[in-house]
Amino acid sequence: MTKADLVRNVSAETGIIRKDVALAVDAFLEAIKDSMKDGKHIEIRGFGTFKLKIRKERIGRNPKTEEKVKVPSRVVPTFKFSRAFKEEIDDSNKNLIK
């Protein structure tokens, strides 16, 4: 599903015109980005949590030359789904397991 698909689905579900839904979706995504830029985490109960994780410095390897390379520490955004969300998805997709 793309952002355009999401906007179309929300517009159809709520009756709000697509242009307004697109503005709301964009504002929501920007709010998440801005909060994470400020070092904050975002928790959406029943859905999941956006957090920042610090990756330690490590020694990596260039696969082409086999040369060891120092990979500096960095901050990466992560997302963890809530238990309720995972259970709901698991329950509704039991038929995929053979």
PDB file of N, CA and C in Angstrom:
ATOM      1  N   MET A   1       0.848  -1.174   0.000  1.00  0.00           N
ATOM      2  CA  MET A   1       0.000   0.000   0.000  1.00  0.00           C
ATOM      3  C   MET A   1       0.889   1.231   0.000  1.00  0.00           C
ATOM      4  N   THR A   2       0.582   2.160  -0.867  1.00  0.00           N
ATOM      5  CA  THR A   2       1.327   3.411  -0.937  1.00  0.00           C
ATOM      6  C   THR A   2       0.595   4.490  -0.139  1.00  0.00           C
ATOM      7  N   LYS A   3       1.246   5.643   0.001  1.00  0.00           N
ATOM      8  CA  LYS A   3       0.606   6.747   0.708  1.00  0.00           C
ATOM      9  C   LYS A   3      -0.664   7.182  -0.031  1.00  0.00           C
ATOM     10  N   ALA A   4      -0.631   7.161  -1.358  1.00  0.00           N
ATOM     11  CA  ALA A   4      -1.809   7.521  -2.153  1.00  0.00           C
ATOM     12  C   ALA A   4      -2.957   6.547  -1.885  1.00  0.00           C
ATOM     13  N   ASP A   5      -2.638   5.247  -1.770  1.00  0.00           N
ATOM     14  CA  ASP A   5      -3.660   4.248  -1.445  1.00  0.00           C
ATOM     15  C   ASP A   5      -4.238   4.508  -0.064  1.00  0.00           C
ATOM     16  N   LEU A   6      -3.379   4.833   0.886  1.00  0.00           N
ATOM     17  CA  LEU A   6      -3.824   5.133   2.245  1.00  0.00           C
ATOM     18  C   LEU A   6      -4.768   6.330   2.247  1.00  0.00           C
ATOM     19  N   VAL A   7      -4.386   7.382   1.537  1.00  0.00           N
ATOM     20  CA  VAL A   7      -5.230   8.587   1.458  1.00  0.00           C
ATOM     21  C   VAL A   7      -6.582   8.230   0.830  1.00  0.00           C
ATOM     22  N   ARG A   8      -6.563   7.443  -0.234  1.00  0.00           N
ATOM     23  CA  ARG A   8      -7.800   7.051  -0.903  1.00  0.00           C
ATOM     24  C   ARG A   8      -8.703   6.242   0.031  1.00  0.00           C
ATOM     25  N   ASN A   9      -8.105   5.288   0.772  1.00  0.00           N
ATOM     26  CA  ASN A   9      -8.894   4.454   1.687  1.00  0.00           C
ATOM     27  C   ASN A   9      -9.490   5.269   2.827  1.00  0.00           C
ATOM     28  N   VAL A  10      -8.699   6.145   3.428  1.00  0.00           N
ATOM     29  CA  VAL A  10      -9.199   6.964   4.537  1.00  0.00           C
ATOM     30  C   VAL A  10     -10.283   7.911   4.037  1.00  0.00           C
ATOM     31  N   SER A  11     -10.089   8.475   2.850  1.00  0.00           N
ATOM     32  CA  SER A  11     -11.093   9.371   2.271  1.00  0.00           C
ATOM     33  C   SER A  11     -12.411   8.631   2.043  1.00  0.00           C
ATOM     34  N   ALA A  12     -12.332   7.417   1.519  1.00  0.00           N
ATOM     35  CA  ALA A  12     -13.543   6.638   1.266  1.00  0.00           C
ATOM     36  C   ALA A  12     -14.223   6.238   2.572  1.00  0.00           C
ATOM     37  N   GLU A  13     -13.421   5.914   3.582  1.00  0.00           N
ATOM     38  CA  GLU A  13     -13.966   5.467   4.872  1.00  0.00           C
ATOM     39  C   GLU A  13     -14.626   6.607   5.652  1.00  0.00           C
ATOM     40  N   THR A  14     -14.048   7.808   5.556  1.00  0.00           N
ATOM     41  CA  THR A  14     -14.524   8.921   6.384  1.00  0.00           C
ATOM     42  C   THR A  14     -15.408   9.917   5.645  1.00  0.00           C
ATOM     43  N   GLY A  15     -15.325   9.932   4.318  1.00  0.00           N
ATOM     44  CA  GLY A  15     -16.096  10.903   3.554  1.00  0.00           C
ATOM     45  C   GLY A  15     -15.403  12.255   3.454  1.00  0.00           C
ATOM     46  N   ILE A  16     -14.183  12.353   3.969  1.00  0.00           N
ATOM     47  CA  ILE A  16     -13.402  13.587   3.880  1.00  0.00           C
ATOM     48  C   ILE A  16     -12.706  13.592   2.517  1.00  0.00           C
ATOM     49  N   ILE A  17     -12.643  14.772   1.881  1.00  0.00           N
ATOM     50  CA  ILE A  17     -12.040  14.824   0.548  1.00  0.00           C
ATOM     51  C   ILE A  17     -10.553  14.462   0.606  1.00  0.00           C
ATOM     52  N   ARG A  18     -10.072  13.882  -0.475  1.00  0.00           N
ATOM     53  CA  ARG A  18      -8.688  13.377  -0.526  1.00  0.00           C
ATOM     54  C   ARG A  18      -7.649  14.440  -0.208  1.00  0.00           C
ATOM     55  N   LYS A  19      -7.871  15.645  -0.676  1.00  0.00           N
ATOM     56  CA  LYS A  19      -6.907  16.725  -0.454  1.00  0.00           C
ATOM     57  C   LYS A  19      -6.701  16.967   1.043  1.00  0.00           C
ATOM     58  N   ASP A  20      -7.794  16.985   1.801  1.00  0.00           N
ATOM     59  CA  ASP A  20      -7.714  17.203   3.246  1.00  0.00           C
ATOM     60  C   ASP A  20      -7.076  16.010   3.955  1.00  0.00           C
ATOM     61  N   VAL A  21      -7.397  14.800   3.500  1.00  0.00           N
ATOM     62  CA  VAL A  21      -6.801  13.601   4.086  1.00  0.00           C
ATOM     63  C   VAL A  21      -5.301  13.594   3.818  1.00  0.00           C
ATOM     64  N   ALA A  22      -4.904  13.975   2.604  1.00  0.00           N
ATOM     65  CA  ALA A  22      -3.482  14.016   2.256  1.00  0.00           C
ATOM     66  C   ALA A  22      -2.743  15.007   3.150  1.00  0.00           C
ATOM     67  N   LEU A  23      -3.350  16.152   3.423  1.00  0.00           N
ATOM     68  CA  LEU A  23      -2.732  17.138   4.320  1.00  0.00           C
ATOM     69  C   LEU A  23      -2.586  16.573   5.731  1.00  0.00           C
ATOM     70  N   ALA A  24      -3.592  15.865   6.202  1.00  0.00           N
ATOM     71  CA  ALA A  24      -3.541  15.282   7.542  1.00  0.00           C
ATOM     72  C   ALA A  24      -2.469  14.187   7.626  1.00  0.00           C
ATOM     73  N   VAL A  25      -2.388  13.337   6.611  1.00  0.00           N
ATOM     74  CA  VAL A  25      -1.381  12.274   6.587  1.00  0.00           C
ATOM     75  C   VAL A  25       0.018  12.877   6.552  1.00  0.00           C
ATOM     76  N   ASP A  26       0.213  13.875   5.701  1.00  0.00           N
ATOM     77  CA  ASP A  26       1.520  14.542   5.628  1.00  0.00           C
ATOM     78  C   ASP A  26       1.887  15.198   6.956  1.00  0.00           C
ATOM     79  N   ALA A  27       0.919  15.857   7.603  1.00  0.00           N
ATOM     80  CA  ALA A  27       1.168  16.502   8.895  1.00  0.00           C
ATOM     81  C   ALA A  27       1.514  15.463   9.957  1.00  0.00           C
ATOM     82  N   PHE A  28       0.837  14.337   9.938  1.00  0.00           N
ATOM     83  CA  PHE A  28       1.114  13.241  10.875  1.00  0.00           C
ATOM     84  C   PHE A  28       2.541  12.731  10.703  1.00  0.00           C
ATOM     85  N   LEU A  29       2.938  12.474   9.469  1.00  0.00           N
ATOM     86  CA  LEU A  29       4.289  11.972   9.203  1.00  0.00           C
ATOM     87  C   LEU A  29       5.353  13.004   9.574  1.00  0.00           C
ATOM     88  N   GLU A  30       5.096  14.268   9.294  1.00  0.00           N
ATOM     89  CA  GLU A  30       6.036  15.328   9.666  1.00  0.00           C
ATOM     90  C   GLU A  30       6.169  15.448  11.183  1.00  0.00           C
ATOM     91  N   ALA A  31       5.056  15.296  11.896  1.00  0.00           N
ATOM     92  CA  ALA A  31       5.087  15.361  13.360  1.00  0.00           C
ATOM     93  C   ALA A  31       5.944  14.237  13.921  1.00  0.00           C
ATOM     94  N   ILE A  32       5.849  13.062  13.344  1.00  0.00           N
ATOM     95  CA  ILE A  32       6.682  11.928  13.775  1.00  0.00           C
ATOM     96  C   ILE A  32       8.143  12.240  13.517  1.00  0.00           C
ATOM     97  N   LYS A  33       8.467  12.712  12.300  1.00  0.00           N
ATOM     98  CA  LYS A  33       9.853  13.034  11.965  1.00  0.00           C
ATOM     99  C   LYS A  33      10.413  14.117  12.883  1.00  0.00           C
ATOM    100  N   ASP A  34       9.628  15.174  13.109  1.00  0.00           N
ATOM    101  CA  ASP A  34      10.090  16.281  13.953  1.00  0.00           C
ATOM    102  C   ASP A  34      10.343  15.821  15.385  1.00  0.00           C
ATOM    103  N   SER A  35       9.462  14.993  15.926  1.00  0.00           N
ATOM    104  CA  SER A  35       9.647  14.484  17.287  1.00  0.00           C
ATOM    105  C   SER A  35      10.905  13.635  17.383  1.00  0.00           C
ATOM    106  N   MET A  36      11.133  12.808  16.377  1.00  0.00           N
ATOM    107  CA  MET A  36      12.320  11.954  16.407  1.00  0.00           C
ATOM    108  C   MET A  36      13.595  12.769  16.206  1.00  0.00           C
ATOM    109  N   LYS A  37      13.526  13.827  15.415  1.00  0.00           N
ATOM    110  CA  LYS A  37      14.680  14.720  15.255  1.00  0.00           C
ATOM    111  C   LYS A  37      15.045  15.355  16.590  1.00  0.00           C
ATOM    112  N   ASP A  38      14.040  15.599  17.427  1.00  0.00           N
ATOM    113  CA  ASP A  38      14.261  16.184  18.756  1.00  0.00           C
ATOM    114  C   ASP A  38      14.663  15.138  19.781  1.00  0.00           C
ATOM    115  N   GLY A  39      14.788  13.870  19.374  1.00  0.00           N
ATOM    116  CA  GLY A  39      15.218  12.808  20.271  1.00  0.00           C
ATOM    117  C   GLY A  39      14.104  12.190  21.088  1.00  0.00           C
ATOM    118  N   LYS A  40      12.863  12.493  20.753  1.00  0.00           N
ATOM    119  CA  LYS A  40      11.715  11.956  21.490  1.00  0.00           C
ATOM    120  C   LYS A  40      11.233  10.666  20.827  1.00  0.00           C
ATOM    121  N   HIS A  41      10.516   9.849  21.599  1.00  0.00           N
ATOM    122  CA  HIS A  41       9.885   8.674  21.000  1.00  0.00           C
ATOM    123  C   HIS A  41       8.373   8.903  20.962  1.00  0.00           C
ATOM    124  N   ILE A  42       7.722   8.195  20.062  1.00  0.00           N
ATOM    125  CA  ILE A  42       6.281   8.356  19.861  1.00  0.00           C
ATOM    126  C   ILE A  42       5.617   7.015  20.116  1.00  0.00           C
ATOM    127  N   GLU A  43       4.652   6.996  21.017  1.00  0.00           N
ATOM    128  CA  GLU A  43       3.922   5.770  21.319  1.00  0.00           C
ATOM    129  C   GLU A  43       2.471   5.945  20.903  1.00  0.00           C
ATOM    130  N   ILE A  44       2.022   5.066  20.021  1.00  0.00           N
ATOM    131  CA  ILE A  44       0.630   5.055  19.593  1.00  0.00           C
ATOM    132  C   ILE A  44       0.039   3.767  20.140  1.00  0.00           C
ATOM    133  N   ARG A  45      -0.701   3.883  21.229  1.00  0.00           N
ATOM    134  CA  ARG A  45      -1.208   2.699  21.934  1.00  0.00           C
ATOM    135  C   ARG A  45      -2.050   1.833  21.008  1.00  0.00           C
ATOM    136  N   GLY A  46      -1.818   0.541  21.101  1.00  0.00           N
ATOM    137  CA  GLY A  46      -2.534  -0.411  20.269  1.00  0.00           C
ATOM    138  C   GLY A  46      -1.953  -0.540  18.874  1.00  0.00           C
ATOM    139  N   PHE A  47      -0.928   0.268  18.553  1.00  0.00           N
ATOM    140  CA  PHE A  47      -0.317   0.203  17.225  1.00  0.00           C
ATOM    141  C   PHE A  47       1.173  -0.060  17.322  1.00  0.00           C
ATOM    142  N   GLY A  48       1.917   0.830  17.996  1.00  0.00           N
ATOM    143  CA  GLY A  48       3.348   0.612  18.125  1.00  0.00           C
ATOM    144  C   GLY A  48       4.082   1.841  18.616  1.00  0.00           C
ATOM    145  N   THR A  49       5.421   1.739  18.659  1.00  0.00           N
ATOM    146  CA  THR A  49       6.266   2.802  19.191  1.00  0.00           C
ATOM    147  C   THR A  49       7.421   3.083  18.241  1.00  0.00           C
ATOM    148  N   PHE A  50       7.606   4.361  17.931  1.00  0.00           N
ATOM    149  CA  PHE A  50       8.762   4.823  17.182  1.00  0.00           C
ATOM    150  C   PHE A  50       9.808   5.250  18.204  1.00  0.00           C
ATOM    151  N   LYS A  51      11.036   4.732  18.073  1.00  0.00           N
ATOM    152  CA  LYS A  51      12.105   5.078  19.003  1.00  0.00           C
ATOM    153  C   LYS A  51      13.401   5.289  18.234  1.00  0.00           C
ATOM    154  N   LEU A  52      14.371   5.893  18.924  1.00  0.00           N
ATOM    155  CA  LEU A  52      15.715   6.026  18.386  1.00  0.00           C
ATOM    156  C   LEU A  52      16.608   5.026  19.088  1.00  0.00           C
ATOM    157  N   LYS A  53      17.487   4.402  18.330  1.00  0.00           N
ATOM    158  CA  LYS A  53      18.392   3.411  18.893  1.00  0.00           C
ATOM    159  C   LYS A  53      19.820   3.814  18.529  1.00  0.00           C
ATOM    160  N   ILE A  54      20.728   3.687  19.486  1.00  0.00           N
ATOM    161  CA  ILE A  54      22.123   4.014  19.232  1.00  0.00           C
ATOM    162  C   ILE A  54      22.852   2.740  18.840  1.00  0.00           C
ATOM    163  N   ARG A  55      23.426   2.750  17.653  1.00  0.00           N
ATOM    164  CA  ARG A  55      24.227   1.622  17.193  1.00  0.00           C
ATOM    165  C   ARG A  55      25.678   1.922  17.536  1.00  0.00           C
ATOM    166  N   LYS A  56      26.328   0.994  18.194  1.00  0.00           N
ATOM    167  CA  LYS A  56      27.716   1.179  18.618  1.00  0.00           C
ATOM    168  C   LYS A  56      28.663   1.122  17.418  1.00  0.00           C
ATOM    169  N   GLU A  57      29.830   1.715  17.630  1.00  0.00           N
ATOM    170  CA  GLU A  57      30.891   1.629  16.634  1.00  0.00           C
ATOM    171  C   GLU A  57      31.321   0.169  16.512  1.00  0.00           C
ATOM    172  N   ARG A  58      31.660  -0.252  15.297  1.00  0.00           N
ATOM    173  CA  ARG A  58      32.072  -1.639  15.105  1.00  0.00           C
ATOM    174  C   ARG A  58      33.027  -1.734  13.921  1.00  0.00           C
ATOM    175  N   ILE A  59      33.633  -2.881  13.808  1.00  0.00           N
ATOM    176  CA  ILE A  59      34.496  -3.157  12.666  1.00  0.00           C
ATOM    177  C   ILE A  59      33.681  -3.953  11.654  1.00  0.00           C
ATOM    178  N   GLY A  60      33.569  -3.407  10.449  1.00  0.00           N
ATOM    179  CA  GLY A  60      32.852  -4.073   9.379  1.00  0.00           C
ATOM    180  C   GLY A  60      33.841  -4.611   8.358  1.00  0.00           C
ATOM    181  N   ARG A  61      33.317  -5.126   7.263  1.00  0.00           N
ATOM    182  CA  ARG A  61      34.173  -5.684   6.225  1.00  0.00           C
ATOM    183  C   ARG A  61      33.634  -5.274   4.874  1.00  0.00           C
ATOM    184  N   ASN A  62      34.511  -4.792   4.020  1.00  0.00           N
ATOM    185  CA  ASN A  62      34.138  -4.476   2.653  1.00  0.00           C
ATOM    186  C   ASN A  62      34.046  -5.809   1.906  1.00  0.00           C
ATOM    187  N   PRO A  63      32.857  -6.207   1.457  1.00  0.00           N
ATOM    188  CA  PRO A  63      32.707  -7.523   0.835  1.00  0.00           C
ATOM    189  C   PRO A  63      33.484  -7.668  -0.479  1.00  0.00           C
ATOM    190  N   LYS A  64      33.765  -6.566  -1.121  1.00  0.00           N
ATOM    191  CA  LYS A  64      34.463  -6.618  -2.402  1.00  0.00           C
ATOM    192  C   LYS A  64      35.961  -6.873  -2.220  1.00  0.00           C
ATOM    193  N   THR A  65      36.559  -6.177  -1.219  1.00  0.00           N
ATOM    194  CA  THR A  65      38.011  -6.266  -1.030  1.00  0.00           C
ATOM    195  C   THR A  65      38.411  -7.069   0.203  1.00  0.00           C
ATOM    196  N   GLU A  66      37.426  -7.460   1.010  1.00  0.00           N
ATOM    197  CA  GLU A  66      37.680  -8.164   2.279  1.00  0.00           C
ATOM    198  C   GLU A  66      38.421  -7.286   3.292  1.00  0.00           C
ATOM    199  N   GLU A  67      38.562  -6.007   2.989  1.00  0.00           N
ATOM    200  CA  GLU A  67      39.257  -5.081   3.882  1.00  0.00           C
ATOM    201  C   GLU A  67      38.385  -4.754   5.090  1.00  0.00           C
ATOM    202  N   LYS A  68      38.994  -4.682   6.278  1.00  0.00           N
ATOM    203  CA  LYS A  68      38.254  -4.312   7.481  1.00  0.00           C
ATOM    204  C   LYS A  68      38.062  -2.801   7.480  1.00  0.00           C
ATOM    205  N   VAL A  69      36.846  -2.397   7.835  1.00  0.00           N
ATOM    206  CA  VAL A  69      36.477  -0.983   7.816  1.00  0.00           C
ATOM    207  C   VAL A  69      35.832  -0.627   9.141  1.00  0.00           C
ATOM    208  N   LYS A  70      36.190   0.541   9.680  1.00  0.00           N
ATOM    209  CA  LYS A  70      35.590   1.011  10.925  1.00  0.00           C
ATOM    210  C   LYS A  70      34.241   1.668  10.595  1.00  0.00           C
ATOM    211  N   VAL A  71      33.182   1.137  11.186  1.00  0.00           N
ATOM    212  CA  VAL A  71      31.839   1.703  11.001  1.00  0.00           C
ATOM    213  C   VAL A  71      31.538   2.535  12.242  1.00  0.00           C
ATOM    214  N   PRO A  72      31.351   3.854  12.084  1.00  0.00           N
ATOM    215  CA  PRO A  72      31.141   4.714  13.251  1.00  0.00           C
ATOM    216  C   PRO A  72      29.789   4.469  13.921  1.00  0.00           C
ATOM    217  N   SER A  73      29.682   4.887  15.183  1.00  0.00           N
ATOM    218  CA  SER A  73      28.397   4.771  15.885  1.00  0.00           C
ATOM    219  C   SER A  73      27.415   5.743  15.235  1.00  0.00           C
ATOM    220  N   ARG A  74      26.139   5.409  15.349  1.00  0.00           N
ATOM    221  CA  ARG A  74      25.117   6.262  14.739  1.00  0.00           C
ATOM    222  C   ARG A  74      23.785   6.028  15.431  1.00  0.00           C
ATOM    223  N   VAL A  75      22.865   6.927  15.183  1.00  0.00           N
ATOM    224  CA  VAL A  75      21.513   6.834  15.737  1.00  0.00           C
ATOM    225  C   VAL A  75      20.581   6.438  14.602  1.00  0.00           C
ATOM    226  N   VAL A  76      19.776   5.393  14.827  1.00  0.00           N
ATOM    227  CA  VAL A  76      18.848   4.931  13.801  1.00  0.00           C
ATOM    228  C   VAL A  76      17.419   4.903  14.355  1.00  0.00           C
ATOM    229  N   PRO A  77      16.449   5.269  13.525  1.00  0.00           N
ATOM    230  CA  PRO A  77      15.053   5.172  13.961  1.00  0.00           C
ATOM    231  C   PRO A  77      14.589   3.728  13.885  1.00  0.00           C
ATOM    232  N   THR A  78      13.761   3.315  14.843  1.00  0.00           N
ATOM    233  CA  THR A  78      13.196   1.974  14.850  1.00  0.00           C
ATOM    234  C   THR A  78      11.700   2.054  15.125  1.00  0.00           C
ATOM    235  N   PHE A  79      11.002   0.989  14.783  1.00  0.00           N
ATOM    236  CA  PHE A  79       9.580   0.903  15.077  1.00  0.00           C
ATOM    237  C   PHE A  79       9.299  -0.482  15.622  1.00  0.00           C
ATOM    238  N   LYS A  80       8.564  -0.536  16.719  1.00  0.00           N
ATOM    239  CA  LYS A  80       8.174  -1.812  17.305  1.00  0.00           C
ATOM    240  C   LYS A  80       6.652  -1.853  17.398  1.00  0.00           C
ATOM    241  N   PHE A  81       6.063  -2.882  16.776  1.00  0.00           N
ATOM    242  CA  PHE A  81       4.617  -3.032  16.830  1.00  0.00           C
ATOM    243  C   PHE A  81       4.186  -3.432  18.228  1.00  0.00           C
ATOM    244  N   SER A  82       2.985  -3.003  18.627  1.00  0.00           N
ATOM    245  CA  SER A  82       2.454  -3.380  19.940  1.00  0.00           C
ATOM    246  C   SER A  82       2.035  -4.847  19.925  1.00  0.00           C
ATOM    247  N   ARG A  83       1.974  -5.423  21.094  1.00  0.00           N
ATOM    248  CA  ARG A  83       1.564  -6.828  21.227  1.00  0.00           C
ATOM    249  C   ARG A  83       0.151  -7.014  20.671  1.00  0.00           C
ATOM    250  N   ALA A  84      -0.754  -6.092  20.991  1.00  0.00           N
ATOM    251  CA  ALA A  84      -2.140  -6.200  20.516  1.00  0.00           C
ATOM    252  C   ALA A  84      -2.196  -6.182  18.991  1.00  0.00           C
ATOM    253  N   PHE A  85      -1.398  -5.336  18.370  1.00  0.00           N
ATOM    254  CA  PHE A  85      -1.361  -5.258  16.912  1.00  0.00           C
ATOM    255  C   PHE A  85      -0.867  -6.577  16.321  1.00  0.00           C
ATOM    256  N   LYS A  86       0.246  -7.096  16.881  1.00  0.00           N
ATOM    257  CA  LYS A  86       0.811  -8.346  16.371  1.00  0.00           C
ATOM    258  C   LYS A  86      -0.173  -9.504  16.528  1.00  0.00           C
ATOM    259  N   GLU A  87      -0.871  -9.557  17.672  1.00  0.00           N
ATOM    260  CA  GLU A  87      -1.843 -10.635  17.891  1.00  0.00           C
ATOM    261  C   GLU A  87      -2.996 -10.541  16.906  1.00  0.00           C
ATOM    262  N   GLU A  88      -3.475  -9.321  16.645  1.00  0.00           N
ATOM    263  CA  GLU A  88      -4.579  -9.134  15.710  1.00  0.00           C
ATOM    264  C   GLU A  88      -4.180  -9.562  14.297  1.00  0.00           C
ATOM    265  N   ILE A  89      -2.981  -9.203  13.883  1.00  0.00           N
ATOM    266  CA  ILE A  89      -2.490  -9.591  12.556  1.00  0.00           C
ATOM    267  C   ILE A  89      -2.315 -11.103  12.485  1.00  0.00           C
ATOM    268  N   ASP A  90      -1.757 -11.690  13.542  1.00  0.00           N
ATOM    269  CA  ASP A  90      -1.551 -13.142  13.571  1.00  0.00           C
ATOM    270  C   ASP A  90      -2.883 -13.876  13.471  1.00  0.00           C
ATOM    271  N   ASP A  91      -3.872 -13.420  14.246  1.00  0.00           N
ATOM    272  CA  ASP A  91      -5.180 -14.075  14.253  1.00  0.00           C
ATOM    273  C   ASP A  91      -5.869 -13.993  12.886  1.00  0.00           C
ATOM    274  N   SER A  92      -5.717 -12.851  12.215  1.00  0.00           N
ATOM    275  CA  SER A  92      -6.417 -12.687  10.941  1.00  0.00           C
ATOM    276  C   SER A  92      -5.679 -13.336   9.774  1.00  0.00           C
ATOM    277  N   ASN A  93      -4.434 -13.776   9.985  1.00  0.00           N
ATOM    278  CA  ASN A  93      -3.664 -14.383   8.896  1.00  0.00           C
ATOM    279  C   ASN A  93      -3.269 -15.825   9.167  1.00  0.00           C
ATOM    280  N   LYS A  94      -3.988 -16.505  10.029  1.00  0.00           N
ATOM    281  CA  LYS A  94      -3.698 -17.905  10.327  1.00  0.00           C
ATOM    282  C   LYS A  94      -3.777 -18.775   9.072  1.00  0.00           C
ATOM    283  N   ASN A  95      -4.620 -18.369   8.125  1.00  0.00           N
ATOM    284  CA  ASN A  95      -4.804 -19.153   6.909  1.00  0.00           C
ATOM    285  C   ASN A  95      -3.565 -19.139   5.999  1.00  0.00           C
ATOM    286  N   LEU A  96      -2.608 -18.241   6.242  1.00  0.00           N
ATOM    287  CA  LEU A  96      -1.396 -18.197   5.429  1.00  0.00           C
ATOM    288  C   LEU A  96      -0.402 -19.276   5.813  1.00  0.00           C
ATOM    289  N   ILE A  97      -0.560 -19.810   7.030  1.00  0.00           N
ATOM    290  CA  ILE A  97       0.349 -20.840   7.514  1.00  0.00           C
ATOM    291  C   ILE A  97      -0.128 -22.182   6.989  1.00  0.00           C
ATOM    292  N   LYS A  98       0.768 -22.878   6.341  1.00  0.00           N
ATOM    293  CA  LYS A  98       0.387 -24.167   5.729  1.00  0.00           C
ATOM    294  C   LYS A  98       0.777 -25.306   6.596  1.00  0.00           C
TER     295      LYS A  98
END
